Amino acid sequence: MPTADGRGKDLASSAQRLSRMLGLDLESEHDLAEIGGVASYIAAQQRHRIENALDLVLSRGPRQRTQHHAGRGRSRGPLSLR
């Protein structure tokens, strides 16, 4: 899948893309290190949100679902999803 700006997916291109999204210019190795820290922070926050969402879903226990059949207009009762 191509990137939004059509450029590469290498570290330098990705760092430039992220810095542009934040309204910054990537001019030095120091800037590259800073944007790397921002990228790490964003990735950690995404992981944290996914983990919390999974914990919430799993805390609800097994789901009960009603089984529907197309064209019948009625259910056949609960169907346990494992």
PDB file of N, CA and C in Angstrom:
ATOM      1  N   MET A   1       0.848  -1.167   0.000  1.00  0.00           N
ATOM      2  CA  MET A   1       0.000   0.000   0.000  1.00  0.00           C
ATOM      3  C   MET A   1       0.900   1.239   0.000  1.00  0.00           C
ATOM      4  N   PRO A   2       0.654   2.167  -0.905  1.00  0.00           N
ATOM      5  CA  PRO A   2       1.487   3.368  -0.962  1.00  0.00           C
ATOM      6  C   PRO A   2       1.209   4.296   0.219  1.00  0.00           C
ATOM      7  N   THR A   3       2.189   5.150   0.492  1.00  0.00           N
ATOM      8  CA  THR A   3       2.009   6.138   1.555  1.00  0.00           C
ATOM      9  C   THR A   3       1.133   7.282   1.048  1.00  0.00           C
ATOM     10  N   ALA A   4       0.634   8.086   1.970  1.00  0.00           N
ATOM     11  CA  ALA A   4      -0.258   9.190   1.608  1.00  0.00           C
ATOM     12  C   ALA A   4       0.430  10.216   0.702  1.00  0.00           C
ATOM     13  N   ASP A   5       1.735  10.404   0.896  1.00  0.00           N
ATOM     14  CA  ASP A   5       2.442  11.401   0.083  1.00  0.00           C
ATOM     15  C   ASP A   5       3.196  10.778  -1.084  1.00  0.00           C
ATOM     16  N   GLY A   6       3.054   9.460  -1.252  1.00  0.00           N
ATOM     17  CA  GLY A   6       3.702   8.781  -2.369  1.00  0.00           C
ATOM     18  C   GLY A   6       5.195   8.582  -2.197  1.00  0.00           C
ATOM     19  N   ARG A   7       5.732   8.926  -1.049  1.00  0.00           N
ATOM     20  CA  ARG A   7       7.168   8.758  -0.802  1.00  0.00           C
ATOM     21  C   ARG A   7       7.420   7.398  -0.165  1.00  0.00           C
ATOM     22  N   GLY A   8       8.669   7.131   0.138  1.00  0.00           N
ATOM     23  CA  GLY A   8       9.079   5.838   0.679  1.00  0.00           C
ATOM     24  C   GLY A   8       8.566   5.563   2.083  1.00  0.00           C
ATOM     25  N   LYS A   9       8.818   4.324   2.516  1.00  0.00           N
ATOM     26  CA  LYS A   9       8.416   3.900   3.862  1.00  0.00           C
ATOM     27  C   LYS A   9       9.630   3.727   4.770  1.00  0.00           C
ATOM     28  N   ASP A  10      10.772   4.164   4.299  1.00  0.00           N
ATOM     29  CA  ASP A  10      11.995   4.066   5.085  1.00  0.00           C
ATOM     30  C   ASP A  10      11.933   5.034   6.266  1.00  0.00           C
ATOM     31  N   LEU A  11      12.881   4.906   7.177  1.00  0.00           N
ATOM     32  CA  LEU A  11      12.893   5.703   8.404  1.00  0.00           C
ATOM     33  C   LEU A  11      12.921   7.197   8.115  1.00  0.00           C
ATOM     34  N   ALA A  12      13.786   7.617   7.216  1.00  0.00           N
ATOM     35  CA  ALA A  12      13.914   9.049   6.933  1.00  0.00           C
ATOM     36  C   ALA A  12      12.629   9.616   6.338  1.00  0.00           C
ATOM     37  N   SER A  13      12.032   8.917   5.374  1.00  0.00           N
ATOM     38  CA  SER A  13      10.787   9.391   4.751  1.00  0.00           C
ATOM     39  C   SER A  13       9.652   9.414   5.766  1.00  0.00           C
ATOM     40  N   SER A  14       9.583   8.395   6.599  1.00  0.00           N
ATOM     41  CA  SER A  14       8.532   8.335   7.619  1.00  0.00           C
ATOM     42  C   SER A  14       8.699   9.455   8.633  1.00  0.00           C
ATOM     43  N   ALA A  15       9.944   9.729   9.025  1.00  0.00           N
ATOM     44  CA  ALA A  15      10.214  10.811   9.976  1.00  0.00           C
ATOM     45  C   ALA A  15       9.829  12.162   9.370  1.00  0.00           C
ATOM     46  N   GLN A  16      10.150  12.363   8.101  1.00  0.00           N
ATOM     47  CA  GLN A  16       9.772  13.619   7.444  1.00  0.00           C
ATOM     48  C   GLN A  16       8.253  13.755   7.376  1.00  0.00           C
ATOM     49  N   ARG A  17       7.564  12.666   7.082  1.00  0.00           N
ATOM     50  CA  ARG A  17       6.105  12.685   6.994  1.00  0.00           C
ATOM     51  C   ARG A  17       5.489  13.048   8.351  1.00  0.00           C
ATOM     52  N   LEU A  18       5.966  12.403   9.410  1.00  0.00           N
ATOM     53  CA  LEU A  18       5.439  12.681  10.749  1.00  0.00           C
ATOM     54  C   LEU A  18       5.742  14.126  11.168  1.00  0.00           C
ATOM     55  N   SER A  19       6.936  14.590  10.874  1.00  0.00           N
ATOM     56  CA  SER A  19       7.272  15.966  11.261  1.00  0.00           C
ATOM     57  C   SER A  19       6.400  16.964  10.509  1.00  0.00           C
ATOM     58  N   ARG A  20       6.098  16.705   9.243  1.00  0.00           N
ATOM     59  CA  ARG A  20       5.200  17.599   8.502  1.00  0.00           C
ATOM     60  C   ARG A  20       3.802  17.590   9.094  1.00  0.00           C
ATOM     61  N   MET A  21       3.344  16.415   9.541  1.00  0.00           N
ATOM     62  CA  MET A  21       2.008  16.334  10.158  1.00  0.00           C
ATOM     63  C   MET A  21       1.946  17.183  11.427  1.00  0.00           C
ATOM     64  N   LEU A  22       3.080  17.356  12.078  1.00  0.00           N
ATOM     65  CA  LEU A  22       3.137  18.142  13.309  1.00  0.00           C
ATOM     66  C   LEU A  22       3.545  19.584  13.044  1.00  0.00           C
ATOM     67  N   GLY A  23       3.710  19.946  11.776  1.00  0.00           N
ATOM     68  CA  GLY A  23       4.072  21.314  11.431  1.00  0.00           C
ATOM     69  C   GLY A  23       5.520  21.651  11.714  1.00  0.00           C
ATOM     70  N   LEU A  24       6.389  20.649  11.676  1.00  0.00           N
ATOM     71  CA  LEU A  24       7.809  20.859  11.969  1.00  0.00           C
ATOM     72  C   LEU A  24       8.655  20.581  10.736  1.00  0.00           C
ATOM     73  N   ASP A  25       9.895  21.074  10.766  1.00  0.00           N
ATOM     74  CA  ASP A  25      10.871  20.770   9.720  1.00  0.00           C
ATOM     75  C   ASP A  25      11.903  19.822  10.295  1.00  0.00           C
ATOM     76  N   LEU A  26      12.227  18.806   9.546  1.00  0.00           N
ATOM     77  CA  LEU A  26      13.243  17.843   9.960  1.00  0.00           C
ATOM     78  C   LEU A  26      14.566  18.292   9.345  1.00  0.00           C
ATOM     79  N   GLU A  27      15.443  18.855  10.175  1.00  0.00           N
ATOM     80  CA  GLU A  27      16.664  19.457   9.636  1.00  0.00           C
ATOM     81  C   GLU A  27      17.952  18.806  10.122  1.00  0.00           C
ATOM     82  N   SER A  28      17.930  18.108  11.234  1.00  0.00           N
ATOM     83  CA  SER A  28      19.182  17.565  11.770  1.00  0.00           C
ATOM     84  C   SER A  28      18.957  16.195  12.395  1.00  0.00           C
ATOM     85  N   GLU A  29      20.074  15.566  12.766  1.00  0.00           N
ATOM     86  CA  GLU A  29      20.002  14.271  13.462  1.00  0.00           C
ATOM     87  C   GLU A  29      19.275  14.420  14.798  1.00  0.00           C
ATOM     88  N   HIS A  30      19.430  15.563  15.438  1.00  0.00           N
ATOM     89  CA  HIS A  30      18.733  15.828  16.696  1.00  0.00           C
ATOM     90  C   HIS A  30      17.217  15.834  16.450  1.00  0.00           C
ATOM     91  N   ASP A  31      16.792  16.477  15.350  1.00  0.00           N
ATOM     92  CA  ASP A  31      15.368  16.498  14.997  1.00  0.00           C
ATOM     93  C   ASP A  31      14.863  15.084  14.732  1.00  0.00           C
ATOM     94  N   LEU A  32      15.713  14.268  14.070  1.00  0.00           N
ATOM     95  CA  LEU A  32      15.326  12.881  13.777  1.00  0.00           C
ATOM     96  C   LEU A  32      15.128  12.106  15.077  1.00  0.00           C
ATOM     97  N   ALA A  33      16.000  12.330  16.053  1.00  0.00           N
ATOM     98  CA  ALA A  33      15.866  11.653  17.345  1.00  0.00           C
ATOM     99  C   ALA A  33      14.595  12.105  18.058  1.00  0.00           C
ATOM    100  N   GLU A  34      14.289  13.387  17.993  1.00  0.00           N
ATOM    101  CA  GLU A  34      13.078  13.898  18.637  1.00  0.00           C
ATOM    102  C   GLU A  34      11.820  13.326  17.986  1.00  0.00           C
ATOM    103  N   ILE A  35      11.795  13.298  16.668  1.00  0.00           N
ATOM    104  CA  ILE A  35      10.605  12.786  15.983  1.00  0.00           C
ATOM    105  C   ILE A  35      10.483  11.285  16.218  1.00  0.00           C
ATOM    106  N   GLY A  36      11.613  10.601  16.400  1.00  0.00           N
ATOM    107  CA  GLY A  36      11.585   9.177  16.760  1.00  0.00           C
ATOM    108  C   GLY A  36      10.937   8.963  18.113  1.00  0.00           C
ATOM    109  N   GLY A  37      11.215   9.887  19.040  1.00  0.00           N
ATOM    110  CA  GLY A  37      10.578   9.823  20.355  1.00  0.00           C
ATOM    111  C   GLY A  37       9.078  10.048  20.267  1.00  0.00           C
ATOM    112  N   VAL A  38       8.678  10.985  19.413  1.00  0.00           N
ATOM    113  CA  VAL A  38       7.245  11.242  19.205  1.00  0.00           C
ATOM    114  C   VAL A  38       6.580  10.004  18.620  1.00  0.00           C
ATOM    115  N   ALA A  39       7.233   9.380  17.634  1.00  0.00           N
ATOM    116  CA  ALA A  39       6.683   8.168  17.005  1.00  0.00           C
ATOM    117  C   ALA A  39       6.544   7.042  18.031  1.00  0.00           C
ATOM    118  N   SER A  40       7.532   6.890  18.886  1.00  0.00           N
ATOM    119  CA  SER A  40       7.466   5.855  19.927  1.00  0.00           C
ATOM    120  C   SER A  40       6.326   6.116  20.897  1.00  0.00           C
ATOM    121  N   TYR A  41       6.143   7.383  21.260  1.00  0.00           N
ATOM    122  CA  TYR A  41       5.059   7.751  22.163  1.00  0.00           C
ATOM    123  C   TYR A  41       3.700   7.446  21.532  1.00  0.00           C
ATOM    124  N   ILE A  42       3.525   7.811  20.263  1.00  0.00           N
ATOM    125  CA  ILE A  42       2.261   7.551  19.569  1.00  0.00           C
ATOM    126  C   ILE A  42       1.995   6.050  19.497  1.00  0.00           C
ATOM    127  N   ALA A  43       3.013   5.273  19.161  1.00  0.00           N
ATOM    128  CA  ALA A  43       2.850   3.815  19.082  1.00  0.00           C
ATOM    129  C   ALA A  43       2.469   3.234  20.441  1.00  0.00           C
ATOM    130  N   ALA A  44       3.099   3.713  21.511  1.00  0.00           N
ATOM    131  CA  ALA A  44       2.784   3.214  22.858  1.00  0.00           C
ATOM    132  C   ALA A  44       1.348   3.560  23.242  1.00  0.00           C
ATOM    133  N   GLN A  45       0.906   4.773  22.895  1.00  0.00           N
ATOM    134  CA  GLN A  45      -0.470   5.172  23.198  1.00  0.00           C
ATOM    135  C   GLN A  45      -1.476   4.317  22.420  1.00  0.00           C
ATOM    136  N   GLN A  46      -1.169   4.015  21.166  1.00  0.00           N
ATOM    137  CA  GLN A  46      -2.054   3.158  20.375  1.00  0.00           C
ATOM    138  C   GLN A  46      -2.156   1.767  20.996  1.00  0.00           C
ATOM    139  N   ARG A  47      -0.999   1.201  21.368  1.00  0.00           N
ATOM    140  CA  ARG A  47      -0.999  -0.122  22.024  1.00  0.00           C
ATOM    141  C   ARG A  47      -1.824  -0.093  23.302  1.00  0.00           C
ATOM    142  N   HIS A  48      -1.647   0.956  24.083  1.00  0.00           N
ATOM    143  CA  HIS A  48      -2.367   1.096  25.354  1.00  0.00           C
ATOM    144  C   HIS A  48      -3.882   1.140  25.115  1.00  0.00           C
ATOM    145  N   ARG A  49      -4.320   1.907  24.133  1.00  0.00           N
ATOM    146  CA  ARG A  49      -5.753   2.003  23.835  1.00  0.00           C
ATOM    147  C   ARG A  49      -6.306   0.670  23.358  1.00  0.00           C
ATOM    148  N   ILE A  50      -5.548  -0.037  22.531  1.00  0.00           N
ATOM    149  CA  ILE A  50      -5.995  -1.356  22.048  1.00  0.00           C
ATOM    150  C   ILE A  50      -6.079  -2.340  23.209  1.00  0.00           C
ATOM    151  N   GLU A  51      -5.065  -2.356  24.074  1.00  0.00           N
ATOM    152  CA  GLU A  51      -5.076  -3.255  25.229  1.00  0.00           C
ATOM    153  C   GLU A  51      -6.262  -2.963  26.137  1.00  0.00           C
ATOM    154  N   ASN A  52      -6.535  -1.685  26.399  1.00  0.00           N
ATOM    155  CA  ASN A  52      -7.682  -1.324  27.243  1.00  0.00           C
ATOM    156  C   ASN A  52      -8.999  -1.765  26.613  1.00  0.00           C
ATOM    157  N   ALA A  53      -9.129  -1.581  25.310  1.00  0.00           N
ATOM    158  CA  ALA A  53     -10.356  -1.986  24.625  1.00  0.00           C
ATOM    159  C   ALA A  53     -10.532  -3.496  24.679  1.00  0.00           C
ATOM    160  N   LEU A  54      -9.447  -4.235  24.484  1.00  0.00           N
ATOM    161  CA  LEU A  54      -9.524  -5.694  24.577  1.00  0.00           C
ATOM    162  C   LEU A  54      -9.880  -6.143  25.988  1.00  0.00           C
ATOM    163  N   ASP A  55      -9.270  -5.515  26.994  1.00  0.00           N
ATOM    164  CA  ASP A  55      -9.601  -5.851  28.384  1.00  0.00           C
ATOM    165  C   ASP A  55     -11.083  -5.618  28.664  1.00  0.00           C
ATOM    166  N   LEU A  56     -11.620  -4.531  28.159  1.00  0.00           N
ATOM    167  CA  LEU A  56     -13.036  -4.228  28.364  1.00  0.00           C
ATOM    168  C   LEU A  56     -13.924  -5.289  27.710  1.00  0.00           C
ATOM    169  N   VAL A  57     -13.624  -5.626  26.481  1.00  0.00           N
ATOM    170  CA  VAL A  57     -14.424  -6.636  25.772  1.00  0.00           C
ATOM    171  C   VAL A  57     -14.328  -7.985  26.477  1.00  0.00           C
ATOM    172  N   LEU A  58     -13.121  -8.382  26.861  1.00  0.00           N
ATOM    173  CA  LEU A  58     -12.938  -9.681  27.510  1.00  0.00           C
ATOM    174  C   LEU A  58     -13.549  -9.720  28.908  1.00  0.00           C
ATOM    175  N   SER A  59     -13.636  -8.575  29.580  1.00  0.00           N
ATOM    176  CA  SER A  59     -14.212  -8.545  30.921  1.00  0.00           C
ATOM    177  C   SER A  59     -15.719  -8.814  30.912  1.00  0.00           C
ATOM    178  N   ARG A  60     -16.341  -8.652  29.773  1.00  0.00           N
ATOM    179  CA  ARG A  60     -17.784  -8.877  29.665  1.00  0.00           C
ATOM    180  C   ARG A  60     -18.143 -10.348  29.575  1.00  0.00           C
ATOM    181  N   GLY A  61     -17.156 -11.201  29.427  1.00  0.00           N
ATOM    182  CA  GLY A  61     -17.407 -12.632  29.351  1.00  0.00           C
ATOM    183  C   GLY A  61     -17.900 -13.048  27.975  1.00  0.00           C
ATOM    184  N   PRO A  62     -18.275 -14.334  27.842  1.00  0.00           N
ATOM    185  CA  PRO A  62     -18.747 -14.826  26.546  1.00  0.00           C
ATOM    186  C   PRO A  62     -20.005 -14.090  26.100  1.00  0.00           C
ATOM    187  N   ARG A  63     -20.068 -13.834  24.827  1.00  0.00           N
ATOM    188  CA  ARG A  63     -21.231 -13.124  24.272  1.00  0.00           C
ATOM    189  C   ARG A  63     -22.327 -14.114  23.910  1.00  0.00           C
ATOM    190  N   GLN A  64     -23.538 -13.676  24.107  1.00  0.00           N
ATOM    191  CA  GLN A  64     -24.704 -14.416  23.621  1.00  0.00           C
ATOM    192  C   GLN A  64     -25.221 -13.650  22.419  1.00  0.00           C
ATOM    193  N   ARG A  65     -25.490 -14.370  21.379  1.00  0.00           N
ATOM    194  CA  ARG A  65     -25.946 -13.715  20.171  1.00  0.00           C
ATOM    195  C   ARG A  65     -27.170 -14.423  19.644  1.00  0.00           C
ATOM    196  N   THR A  66     -28.063 -13.652  19.086  1.00  0.00           N
ATOM    197  CA  THR A  66     -29.240 -14.235  18.472  1.00  0.00           C
ATOM    198  C   THR A  66     -28.911 -14.592  17.036  1.00  0.00           C
ATOM    199  N   GLN A  67     -29.253 -15.795  16.663  1.00  0.00           N
ATOM    200  CA  GLN A  67     -28.971 -16.256  15.314  1.00  0.00           C
ATOM    201  C   GLN A  67     -30.121 -15.849  14.386  1.00  0.00           C
ATOM    202  N   HIS A  68     -29.796 -15.145  13.323  1.00  0.00           N
ATOM    203  CA  HIS A  68     -30.805 -14.706  12.362  1.00  0.00           C
ATOM    204  C   HIS A  68     -30.588 -15.415  11.039  1.00  0.00           C
ATOM    205  N   HIS A  69     -31.669 -15.710  10.382  1.00  0.00           N
ATOM    206  CA  HIS A  69     -31.590 -16.338   9.066  1.00  0.00           C
ATOM    207  C   HIS A  69     -32.230 -15.398   8.060  1.00  0.00           C
ATOM    208  N   ALA A  70     -31.526 -15.156   6.993  1.00  0.00           N
ATOM    209  CA  ALA A  70     -32.011 -14.220   5.975  1.00  0.00           C
ATOM    210  C   ALA A  70     -33.336 -14.695   5.405  1.00  0.00           C
ATOM    211  N   GLY A  71     -34.269 -13.770   5.318  1.00  0.00           N
ATOM    212  CA  GLY A  71     -35.550 -14.070   4.695  1.00  0.00           C
ATOM    213  C   GLY A  71     -36.600 -14.655   5.614  1.00  0.00           C
ATOM    214  N   ARG A  72     -36.216 -15.073   6.814  1.00  0.00           N
ATOM    215  CA  ARG A  72     -37.190 -15.676   7.719  1.00  0.00           C
ATOM    216  C   ARG A  72     -37.861 -14.646   8.617  1.00  0.00           C
ATOM    217  N   GLY A  73     -37.113 -13.569   8.972  1.00  0.00           N
ATOM    218  CA  GLY A  73     -37.700 -12.527   9.803  1.00  0.00           C
ATOM    219  C   GLY A  73     -37.905 -12.911  11.251  1.00  0.00           C
ATOM    220  N   ARG A  74     -37.298 -13.995  11.699  1.00  0.00           N
ATOM    221  CA  ARG A  74     -37.420 -14.396  13.103  1.00  0.00           C
ATOM    222  C   ARG A  74     -36.100 -15.019  13.544  1.00  0.00           C
ATOM    223  N   SER A  75     -35.894 -15.068  14.850  1.00  0.00           N
ATOM    224  CA  SER A  75     -34.650 -15.635  15.356  1.00  0.00           C
ATOM    225  C   SER A  75     -34.880 -17.071  15.803  1.00  0.00           C
ATOM    226  N   ARG A  76     -33.780 -17.768  15.917  1.00  0.00           N
ATOM    227  CA  ARG A  76     -33.845 -19.160  16.364  1.00  0.00           C
ATOM    228  C   ARG A  76     -33.280 -19.305  17.768  1.00  0.00           C
ATOM    229  N   GLY A  77     -33.118 -18.185  18.484  1.00  0.00           N
ATOM    230  CA  GLY A  77     -32.637 -18.263  19.867  1.00  0.00           C
ATOM    231  C   GLY A  77     -31.174 -17.871  19.982  1.00  0.00           C
ATOM    232  N   PRO A  78     -30.656 -17.904  21.224  1.00  0.00           N
ATOM    233  CA  PRO A  78     -29.292 -17.453  21.458  1.00  0.00           C
ATOM    234  C   PRO A  78     -28.256 -18.427  20.885  1.00  0.00           C
ATOM    235  N   LEU A  79     -27.168 -17.855  20.426  1.00  0.00           N
ATOM    236  CA  LEU A  79     -26.051 -18.630  19.902  1.00  0.00           C
ATOM    237  C   LEU A  79     -24.812 -18.176  20.675  1.00  0.00           C
ATOM    238  N   SER A  80     -24.185 -19.087  21.364  1.00  0.00           N
ATOM    239  CA  SER A  80     -23.029 -18.739  22.156  1.00  0.00           C
ATOM    240  C   SER A  80     -21.793 -18.632  21.261  1.00  0.00           C
ATOM    241  N   LEU A  81     -21.090 -17.494  21.340  1.00  0.00           N
ATOM    242  CA  LEU A  81     -19.841 -17.314  20.604  1.00  0.00           C
ATOM    243  C   LEU A  81     -18.699 -17.618  21.525  1.00  0.00           C
ATOM    244  N   ARG A  82     -17.796 -18.387  21.074  1.00  0.00           N
ATOM    245  CA  ARG A  82     -16.661 -18.766  21.908  1.00  0.00           C
ATOM    246  C   ARG A  82     -15.508 -17.870  21.669  1.00  0.00           C
TER     247      ARG A  82
END
